[in-house]
Amino acid sequence: VYVISSYAPHFLEHTDNIEVINILFSLEDLMKYSLSL
């Protein structure tokens, strides 16, 4: 499990039958709802 920040250049290489779940969001929006978390 990993998190990529905005404007961080990234990619996956040497892929071997990899399946992923990607969830895209604004960190600012997440911070509004994460409260005590």
ModelCIF file with pLDDT and N, C-alpha, C, O atoms, coordinates in Angstrom:
data_MODEL
#
_entry.id   MODEL 
#
_entity.id                         1 
_entity.type                       polymer 
_entity.pdbx_number_of_molecules   1 
#
_entity_poly.entity_id                      1 
_entity_poly.type                           'polypeptide(L)' 
_entity_poly.nstd_linkage                   no 
_entity_poly.nstd_monomer                   no 
_entity_poly.pdbx_seq_one_letter_code       VYVISSYAPHFLEHTDNIEVINILFSLEDLMKYSLSL 
_entity_poly.pdbx_seq_one_letter_code_can   VYVISSYAPHFLEHTDNIEVINILFSLEDLMKYSLSL 
_entity_poly.pdbx_strand_id                 A 
#
loop_
_entity_poly_seq.entity_id 
_entity_poly_seq.num 
_entity_poly_seq.mon_id 
_entity_poly_seq.hetero 
1 1  VAL n 
1 2  TYR n 
1 3  VAL n 
1 4  ILE n 
1 5  SER n 
1 6  SER n 
1 7  TYR n 
1 8  ALA n 
1 9  PRO n 
1 10 HIS n 
1 11 PHE n 
1 12 LEU n 
1 13 GLU n 
1 14 HIS n 
1 15 THR n 
1 16 ASP n 
1 17 ASN n 
1 18 ILE n 
1 19 GLU n 
1 20 VAL n 
1 21 ILE n 
1 22 ASN n 
1 23 ILE n 
1 24 LEU n 
1 25 PHE n 
1 26 SER n 
1 27 LEU n 
1 28 GLU n 
1 29 ASP n 
1 30 LEU n 
1 31 MET n 
1 32 LYS n 
1 33 TYR n 
1 34 SER n 
1 35 LEU n 
1 36 SER n 
1 37 LEU n 
#
_struct_asym.id          A 
_struct_asym.entity_id   1 
#
loop_
_ma_qa_metric.id 
_ma_qa_metric.mode 
_ma_qa_metric.name 
_ma_qa_metric.software_group_id 
_ma_qa_metric.type 
1 global pLDDT . pLDDT 
2 local  pLDDT . pLDDT 
#
_ma_qa_metric_global.metric_id      1 
_ma_qa_metric_global.metric_value   93.59 
_ma_qa_metric_global.model_id       1 
_ma_qa_metric_global.ordinal_id     1 
#
loop_
_ma_qa_metric_local.label_asym_id 
_ma_qa_metric_local.label_comp_id 
_ma_qa_metric_local.label_seq_id 
_ma_qa_metric_local.metric_id 
_ma_qa_metric_local.metric_value 
_ma_qa_metric_local.model_id 
_ma_qa_metric_local.ordinal_id 
A VAL 1  2 94.00 1 1  
A TYR 2  2 93.00 1 2  
A VAL 3  2 93.00 1 3  
A ILE 4  2 93.00 1 4  
A SER 5  2 90.00 1 5  
A SER 6  2 91.00 1 6  
A TYR 7  2 91.00 1 7  
A ALA 8  2 91.00 1 8  
A PRO 9  2 93.00 1 9  
A HIS 10 2 93.00 1 10 
A PHE 11 2 93.00 1 11 
A LEU 12 2 95.00 1 12 
A GLU 13 2 94.00 1 13 
A HIS 14 2 93.00 1 14 
A THR 15 2 94.00 1 15 
A ASP 16 2 93.00 1 16 
A ASN 17 2 92.00 1 17 
A ILE 18 2 96.00 1 18 
A GLU 19 2 97.00 1 19 
A VAL 20 2 97.00 1 20 
A ILE 21 2 97.00 1 21 
A ASN 22 2 97.00 1 22 
A ILE 23 2 97.00 1 23 
A LEU 24 2 97.00 1 24 
A PHE 25 2 96.00 1 25 
A SER 26 2 95.00 1 26 
A LEU 27 2 92.00 1 27 
A GLU 28 2 93.00 1 28 
A ASP 29 2 94.00 1 29 
A LEU 30 2 95.00 1 30 
A MET 31 2 94.00 1 31 
A LYS 32 2 93.00 1 32 
A TYR 33 2 92.00 1 33 
A SER 34 2 92.00 1 34 
A LEU 35 2 90.00 1 35 
A SER 36 2 91.00 1 36 
A LEU 37 2 92.00 1 37 
#
loop_
_atom_site.group_PDB 
_atom_site.id 
_atom_site.type_symbol 
_atom_site.label_atom_id 
_atom_site.label_alt_id 
_atom_site.label_comp_id 
_atom_site.label_asym_id 
_atom_site.label_entity_id 
_atom_site.label_seq_id 
_atom_site.pdbx_PDB_ins_code 
_atom_site.Cartn_x 
_atom_site.Cartn_y 
_atom_site.Cartn_z 
_atom_site.occupancy 
_atom_site.B_iso_or_equiv 
_atom_site.pdbx_formal_charge 
_atom_site.auth_seq_id 
_atom_site.auth_comp_id 
_atom_site.auth_asym_id 
_atom_site.auth_atom_id 
_atom_site.pdbx_PDB_model_num 
ATOM 1   N N  . VAL A 1 1  ? 0.863   -1.181 0.000   1.00 94.00 ? 1  VAL A N  1 
ATOM 2   C CA . VAL A 1 1  ? 0.000   0.000  0.000   1.00 94.00 ? 1  VAL A CA 1 
ATOM 3   C C  . VAL A 1 1  ? 0.898   1.229  0.000   1.00 94.00 ? 1  VAL A C  1 
ATOM 4   O O  . VAL A 1 1  ? 1.789   1.348  0.842   1.00 94.00 ? 1  VAL A O  1 
ATOM 5   N N  . TYR A 1 2  ? 0.671   2.140  -0.935  1.00 93.00 ? 2  TYR A N  1 
ATOM 6   C CA . TYR A 1 2  ? 1.486   3.348  -0.976  1.00 93.00 ? 2  TYR A CA 1 
ATOM 7   C C  . TYR A 1 2  ? 0.649   4.524  -1.462  1.00 93.00 ? 2  TYR A C  1 
ATOM 8   O O  . TYR A 1 2  ? -0.393  4.351  -2.093  1.00 93.00 ? 2  TYR A O  1 
ATOM 9   N N  . VAL A 1 3  ? 1.133   5.723  -1.152  1.00 93.00 ? 3  VAL A N  1 
ATOM 10  C CA . VAL A 1 3  ? 0.449   6.955  -1.539  1.00 93.00 ? 3  VAL A CA 1 
ATOM 11  C C  . VAL A 1 3  ? 1.407   7.822  -2.345  1.00 93.00 ? 3  VAL A C  1 
ATOM 12  O O  . VAL A 1 3  ? 2.537   8.069  -1.925  1.00 93.00 ? 3  VAL A O  1 
ATOM 13  N N  . ILE A 1 4  ? 0.947   8.283  -3.508  1.00 93.00 ? 4  ILE A N  1 
ATOM 14  C CA . ILE A 1 4  ? 1.738   9.167  -4.364  1.00 93.00 ? 4  ILE A CA 1 
ATOM 15  C C  . ILE A 1 4  ? 1.168   10.571 -4.244  1.00 93.00 ? 4  ILE A C  1 
ATOM 16  O O  . ILE A 1 4  ? -0.035  10.773 -4.410  1.00 93.00 ? 4  ILE A O  1 
ATOM 17  N N  . SER A 1 5  ? 2.026   11.537 -3.956  1.00 90.00 ? 5  SER A N  1 
ATOM 18  C CA . SER A 1 5  ? 1.555   12.913 -3.807  1.00 90.00 ? 5  SER A CA 1 
ATOM 19  C C  . SER A 1 5  ? 1.396   13.581 -5.169  1.00 90.00 ? 5  SER A C  1 
ATOM 20  O O  . SER A 1 5  ? 1.857   13.060 -6.185  1.00 90.00 ? 5  SER A O  1 
ATOM 21  N N  . SER A 1 6  ? 0.749   14.722 -5.178  1.00 91.00 ? 6  SER A N  1 
ATOM 22  C CA . SER A 1 6  ? 0.561   15.472 -6.422  1.00 91.00 ? 6  SER A CA 1 
ATOM 23  C C  . SER A 1 6  ? 1.899   15.936 -6.970  1.00 91.00 ? 6  SER A C  1 
ATOM 24  O O  . SER A 1 6  ? 2.786   16.350 -6.224  1.00 91.00 ? 6  SER A O  1 
ATOM 25  N N  . TYR A 1 7  ? 2.027   15.858 -8.276  1.00 91.00 ? 7  TYR A N  1 
ATOM 26  C CA . TYR A 1 7  ? 3.197   16.310 -9.024  1.00 91.00 ? 7  TYR A CA 1 
ATOM 27  C C  . TYR A 1 7  ? 4.482   15.553 -8.700  1.00 91.00 ? 7  TYR A C  1 
ATOM 28  O O  . TYR A 1 7  ? 5.576   16.065 -8.933  1.00 91.00 ? 7  TYR A O  1 
ATOM 29  N N  . ALA A 1 8  ? 4.359   14.343 -8.166  1.00 91.00 ? 8  ALA A N  1 
ATOM 30  C CA . ALA A 1 8  ? 5.533   13.489 -7.970  1.00 91.00 ? 8  ALA A CA 1 
ATOM 31  C C  . ALA A 1 8  ? 5.661   12.571 -9.184  1.00 91.00 ? 8  ALA A C  1 
ATOM 32  O O  . ALA A 1 8  ? 4.784   11.735 -9.400  1.00 91.00 ? 8  ALA A O  1 
ATOM 33  N N  . PRO A 1 9  ? 6.717   12.695 -9.980  1.00 93.00 ? 9  PRO A N  1 
ATOM 34  C CA . PRO A 1 9  ? 6.878   11.825 -11.149 1.00 93.00 ? 9  PRO A CA 1 
ATOM 35  C C  . PRO A 1 9  ? 6.987   10.369 -10.699 1.00 93.00 ? 9  PRO A C  1 
ATOM 36  O O  . PRO A 1 9  ? 7.764   10.049 -9.799  1.00 93.00 ? 9  PRO A O  1 
ATOM 37  N N  . HIS A 1 10 ? 6.210   9.494  -11.324 1.00 93.00 ? 10 HIS A N  1 
ATOM 38  C CA . HIS A 1 10 ? 6.232   8.093  -10.905 1.00 93.00 ? 10 HIS A CA 1 
ATOM 39  C C  . HIS A 1 10 ? 5.780   7.176  -12.025 1.00 93.00 ? 10 HIS A C  1 
ATOM 40  O O  . HIS A 1 10 ? 5.141   7.605  -12.985 1.00 93.00 ? 10 HIS A O  1 
ATOM 41  N N  . PHE A 1 11 ? 6.126   5.902  -11.882 1.00 93.00 ? 11 PHE A N  1 
ATOM 42  C CA . PHE A 1 11 ? 5.684   4.883  -12.830 1.00 93.00 ? 11 PHE A CA 1 
ATOM 43  C C  . PHE A 1 11 ? 6.014   3.515  -12.265 1.00 93.00 ? 11 PHE A C  1 
ATOM 44  O O  . PHE A 1 11 ? 6.752   3.400  -11.286 1.00 93.00 ? 11 PHE A O  1 
ATOM 45  N N  . LEU A 1 12 ? 5.467   2.477  -12.884 1.00 95.00 ? 12 LEU A N  1 
ATOM 46  C CA . LEU A 1 12 ? 5.756   1.093  -12.520 1.00 95.00 ? 12 LEU A CA 1 
ATOM 47  C C  . LEU A 1 12 ? 6.520   0.439  -13.661 1.00 95.00 ? 12 LEU A C  1 
ATOM 48  O O  . LEU A 1 12 ? 6.178   0.607  -14.832 1.00 95.00 ? 12 LEU A O  1 
ATOM 49  N N  . GLU A 1 13 ? 7.556   -0.308 -13.305 1.00 94.00 ? 13 GLU A N  1 
ATOM 50  C CA . GLU A 1 13 ? 8.312   -1.045 -14.314 1.00 94.00 ? 13 GLU A CA 1 
ATOM 51  C C  . GLU A 1 13 ? 8.511   -2.478 -13.826 1.00 94.00 ? 13 GLU A C  1 
ATOM 52  O O  . GLU A 1 13 ? 8.197   -2.811 -12.683 1.00 94.00 ? 13 GLU A O  1 
ATOM 53  N N  . HIS A 1 14 ? 9.039   -3.317 -14.715 1.00 93.00 ? 14 HIS A N  1 
ATOM 54  C CA . HIS A 1 14 ? 9.245   -4.740 -14.398 1.00 93.00 ? 14 HIS A CA 1 
ATOM 55  C C  . HIS A 1 14 ? 7.954   -5.355 -13.854 1.00 93.00 ? 14 HIS A C  1 
ATOM 56  O O  . HIS A 1 14 ? 7.969   -6.084 -12.862 1.00 93.00 ? 14 HIS A O  1 
ATOM 57  N N  . THR A 1 15 ? 6.854   -5.055 -14.510 1.00 94.00 ? 15 THR A N  1 
ATOM 58  C CA . THR A 1 15 ? 5.554   -5.538 -14.048 1.00 94.00 ? 15 THR A CA 1 
ATOM 59  C C  . THR A 1 15 ? 5.406   -7.043 -14.307 1.00 94.00 ? 15 THR A C  1 
ATOM 60  O O  . THR A 1 15 ? 5.789   -7.552 -15.360 1.00 94.00 ? 15 THR A O  1 
ATOM 61  N N  . ASP A 1 16 ? 4.850   -7.720 -13.333 1.00 93.00 ? 16 ASP A N  1 
ATOM 62  C CA . ASP A 1 16 ? 4.629   -9.160 -13.436 1.00 93.00 ? 16 ASP A CA 1 
ATOM 63  C C  . ASP A 1 16 ? 3.198   -9.464 -13.018 1.00 93.00 ? 16 ASP A C  1 
ATOM 64  O O  . ASP A 1 16 ? 2.924   -9.741 -11.850 1.00 93.00 ? 16 ASP A O  1 
ATOM 65  N N  . ASN A 1 17 ? 2.286   -9.409 -13.990 1.00 92.00 ? 17 ASN A N  1 
ATOM 66  C CA . ASN A 1 17 ? 0.876   -9.723 -13.745 1.00 92.00 ? 17 ASN A CA 1 
ATOM 67  C C  . ASN A 1 17 ? 0.334   -8.965 -12.536 1.00 92.00 ? 17 ASN A C  1 
ATOM 68  O O  . ASN A 1 17 ? -0.351  -9.539 -11.689 1.00 92.00 ? 17 ASN A O  1 
ATOM 69  N N  . ILE A 1 18 ? 0.645   -7.671 -12.462 1.00 96.00 ? 18 ILE A N  1 
ATOM 70  C CA . ILE A 1 18 ? 0.268   -6.893 -11.287 1.00 96.00 ? 18 ILE A CA 1 
ATOM 71  C C  . ILE A 1 18 ? -1.141  -6.331 -11.428 1.00 96.00 ? 18 ILE A C  1 
ATOM 72  O O  . ILE A 1 18 ? -1.500  -5.759 -12.457 1.00 96.00 ? 18 ILE A O  1 
ATOM 73  N N  . GLU A 1 19 ? -1.926  -6.506 -10.374 1.00 97.00 ? 19 GLU A N  1 
ATOM 74  C CA . GLU A 1 19 ? -3.266  -5.933 -10.298 1.00 97.00 ? 19 GLU A CA 1 
ATOM 75  C C  . GLU A 1 19 ? -3.287  -4.907 -9.174  1.00 97.00 ? 19 GLU A C  1 
ATOM 76  O O  . GLU A 1 19 ? -2.796  -5.166 -8.075  1.00 97.00 ? 19 GLU A O  1 
ATOM 77  N N  . VAL A 1 20 ? -3.856  -3.748 -9.458  1.00 97.00 ? 20 VAL A N  1 
ATOM 78  C CA . VAL A 1 20 ? -3.857  -2.674 -8.472  1.00 97.00 ? 20 VAL A CA 1 
ATOM 79  C C  . VAL A 1 20 ? -5.238  -2.044 -8.332  1.00 97.00 ? 20 VAL A C  1 
ATOM 80  O O  . VAL A 1 20 ? -6.064  -2.080 -9.244  1.00 97.00 ? 20 VAL A O  1 
ATOM 81  N N  . ILE A 1 21 ? -5.452  -1.471 -7.162  1.00 97.00 ? 21 ILE A N  1 
ATOM 82  C CA . ILE A 1 21 ? -6.604  -0.609 -6.922  1.00 97.00 ? 21 ILE A CA 1 
ATOM 83  C C  . ILE A 1 21 ? -6.060  0.792  -6.744  1.00 97.00 ? 21 ILE A C  1 
ATOM 84  O O  . ILE A 1 21 ? -5.218  1.027  -5.877  1.00 97.00 ? 21 ILE A O  1 
ATOM 85  N N  . ASN A 1 22 ? -6.527  1.718  -7.548  1.00 97.00 ? 22 ASN A N  1 
ATOM 86  C CA . ASN A 1 22 ? -6.129  3.121  -7.428  1.00 97.00 ? 22 ASN A CA 1 
ATOM 87  C C  . ASN A 1 22 ? -7.334  3.947  -6.980  1.00 97.00 ? 22 ASN A C  1 
ATOM 88  O O  . ASN A 1 22 ? -8.415  3.865  -7.563  1.00 97.00 ? 22 ASN A O  1 
ATOM 89  N N  . ILE A 1 23 ? -7.124  4.734  -5.943  1.00 97.00 ? 23 ILE A N  1 
ATOM 90  C CA . ILE A 1 23 ? -8.157  5.656  -5.478  1.00 97.00 ? 23 ILE A CA 1 
ATOM 91  C C  . ILE A 1 23 ? -7.550  7.056  -5.507  1.00 97.00 ? 23 ILE A C  1 
ATOM 92  O O  . ILE A 1 23 ? -6.531  7.317  -4.866  1.00 97.00 ? 23 ILE A O  1 
ATOM 93  N N  . LEU A 1 24 ? -8.184  7.946  -6.253  1.00 97.00 ? 24 LEU A N  1 
ATOM 94  C CA . LEU A 1 24 ? -7.645  9.290  -6.467  1.00 97.00 ? 24 LEU A CA 1 
ATOM 95  C C  . LEU A 1 24 ? -8.456  10.299 -5.676  1.00 97.00 ? 24 LEU A C  1 
ATOM 96  O O  . LEU A 1 24 ? -9.685  10.236 -5.641  1.00 97.00 ? 24 LEU A O  1 
ATOM 97  N N  . PHE A 1 25 ? -7.750  11.242 -5.033  1.00 96.00 ? 25 PHE A N  1 
ATOM 98  C CA . PHE A 1 25 ? -8.434  12.194 -4.161  1.00 96.00 ? 25 PHE A CA 1 
ATOM 99  C C  . PHE A 1 25 ? -7.565  13.421 -3.939  1.00 96.00 ? 25 PHE A C  1 
ATOM 100 O O  . PHE A 1 25 ? -6.364  13.414 -4.211  1.00 96.00 ? 25 PHE A O  1 
ATOM 101 N N  . SER A 1 26 ? -8.195  14.462 -3.444  1.00 95.00 ? 26 SER A N  1 
ATOM 102 C CA . SER A 1 26 ? -7.477  15.667 -3.029  1.00 95.00 ? 26 SER A CA 1 
ATOM 103 C C  . SER A 1 26 ? -7.127  15.532 -1.555  1.00 95.00 ? 26 SER A C  1 
ATOM 104 O O  . SER A 1 26 ? -7.995  15.238 -0.733  1.00 95.00 ? 26 SER A O  1 
ATOM 105 N N  . LEU A 1 27 ? -5.850  15.746 -1.215  1.00 92.00 ? 27 LEU A N  1 
ATOM 106 C CA . LEU A 1 27 ? -5.451  15.653 0.185   1.00 92.00 ? 27 LEU A CA 1 
ATOM 107 C C  . LEU A 1 27 ? -6.185  16.695 1.021   1.00 92.00 ? 27 LEU A C  1 
ATOM 108 O O  . LEU A 1 27 ? -6.540  16.435 2.170   1.00 92.00 ? 27 LEU A O  1 
ATOM 109 N N  . GLU A 1 28 ? -6.412  17.864 0.448   1.00 93.00 ? 28 GLU A N  1 
ATOM 110 C CA . GLU A 1 28 ? -7.138  18.916 1.167   1.00 93.00 ? 28 GLU A CA 1 
ATOM 111 C C  . GLU A 1 28 ? -8.532  18.447 1.551   1.00 93.00 ? 28 GLU A C  1 
ATOM 112 O O  . GLU A 1 28 ? -8.990  18.705 2.664   1.00 93.00 ? 28 GLU A O  1 
ATOM 113 N N  . ASP A 1 29 ? -9.217  17.753 0.627   1.00 94.00 ? 29 ASP A N  1 
ATOM 114 C CA . ASP A 1 29 ? -10.550 17.231 0.927   1.00 94.00 ? 29 ASP A CA 1 
ATOM 115 C C  . ASP A 1 29 ? -10.482 16.153 2.002   1.00 94.00 ? 29 ASP A C  1 
ATOM 116 O O  . ASP A 1 29 ? -11.327 16.114 2.897   1.00 94.00 ? 29 ASP A O  1 
ATOM 117 N N  . LEU A 1 30 ? -9.485  15.278 1.919   1.00 95.00 ? 30 LEU A N  1 
ATOM 118 C CA . LEU A 1 30 ? -9.348  14.224 2.919   1.00 95.00 ? 30 LEU A CA 1 
ATOM 119 C C  . LEU A 1 30 ? -9.126  14.816 4.305   1.00 95.00 ? 30 LEU A C  1 
ATOM 120 O O  . LEU A 1 30 ? -9.685  14.326 5.286   1.00 95.00 ? 30 LEU A O  1 
ATOM 121 N N  . MET A 1 31 ? -8.315  15.865 4.392   1.00 94.00 ? 31 MET A N  1 
ATOM 122 C CA . MET A 1 31 ? -8.021  16.470 5.687   1.00 94.00 ? 31 MET A CA 1 
ATOM 123 C C  . MET A 1 31 ? -9.273  17.081 6.325   1.00 94.00 ? 31 MET A C  1 
ATOM 124 O O  . MET A 1 31 ? -9.367  17.163 7.549   1.00 94.00 ? 31 MET A O  1 
ATOM 125 N N  . LYS A 1 32 ? -10.225 17.506 5.505   1.00 93.00 ? 32 LYS A N  1 
ATOM 126 C CA . LYS A 1 32 ? -11.461 18.090 6.028   1.00 93.00 ? 32 LYS A CA 1 
ATOM 127 C C  . LYS A 1 32 ? -12.297 17.049 6.765   1.00 93.00 ? 32 LYS A C  1 
ATOM 128 O O  . LYS A 1 32 ? -13.033 17.383 7.694   1.00 93.00 ? 32 LYS A O  1 
ATOM 129 N N  . TYR A 1 33 ? -12.183 15.790 6.352   1.00 92.00 ? 33 TYR A N  1 
ATOM 130 C CA . TYR A 1 33 ? -13.047 14.752 6.902   1.00 92.00 ? 33 TYR A CA 1 
ATOM 131 C C  . TYR A 1 33 ? -12.316 13.782 7.837   1.00 92.00 ? 33 TYR A C  1 
ATOM 132 O O  . TYR A 1 33 ? -12.958 12.979 8.514   1.00 92.00 ? 33 TYR A O  1 
ATOM 133 N N  . SER A 1 34 ? -10.995 13.847 7.880   1.00 92.00 ? 34 SER A N  1 
ATOM 134 C CA . SER A 1 34 ? -10.260 12.872 8.695   1.00 92.00 ? 34 SER A CA 1 
ATOM 135 C C  . SER A 1 34 ? -10.266 13.218 10.178  1.00 92.00 ? 34 SER A C  1 
ATOM 136 O O  . SER A 1 34 ? -10.104 12.324 11.008  1.00 92.00 ? 34 SER A O  1 
ATOM 137 N N  . LEU A 1 35 ? -10.448 14.483 10.537  1.00 90.00 ? 35 LEU A N  1 
ATOM 138 C CA . LEU A 1 35 ? -10.652 14.935 11.907  1.00 90.00 ? 35 LEU A CA 1 
ATOM 139 C C  . LEU A 1 35 ? -9.687  14.265 12.892  1.00 90.00 ? 35 LEU A C  1 
ATOM 140 O O  . LEU A 1 35 ? -8.473  14.425 12.764  1.00 90.00 ? 35 LEU A O  1 
ATOM 141 N N  . SER A 1 36 ? -10.212 13.514 13.878  1.00 91.00 ? 36 SER A N  1 
ATOM 142 C CA . SER A 1 36 ? -9.355  12.932 14.914  1.00 91.00 ? 36 SER A CA 1 
ATOM 143 C C  . SER A 1 36 ? -8.357  11.933 14.346  1.00 91.00 ? 36 SER A C  1 
ATOM 144 O O  . SER A 1 36 ? -7.340  11.643 14.977  1.00 91.00 ? 36 SER A O  1 
ATOM 145 N N  . LEU A 1 37 ? -8.639  11.405 13.162  1.00 92.00 ? 37 LEU A N  1 
ATOM 146 C CA . LEU A 1 37 ? -7.731  10.438 12.554  1.00 92.00 ? 37 LEU A CA 1 
ATOM 147 C C  . LEU A 1 37 ? -6.358  11.058 12.285  1.00 92.00 ? 37 LEU A C  1 
ATOM 148 O O  . LEU A 1 37 ? -5.465  10.383 11.774  1.00 92.00 ? 37 LEU A O  1 
#
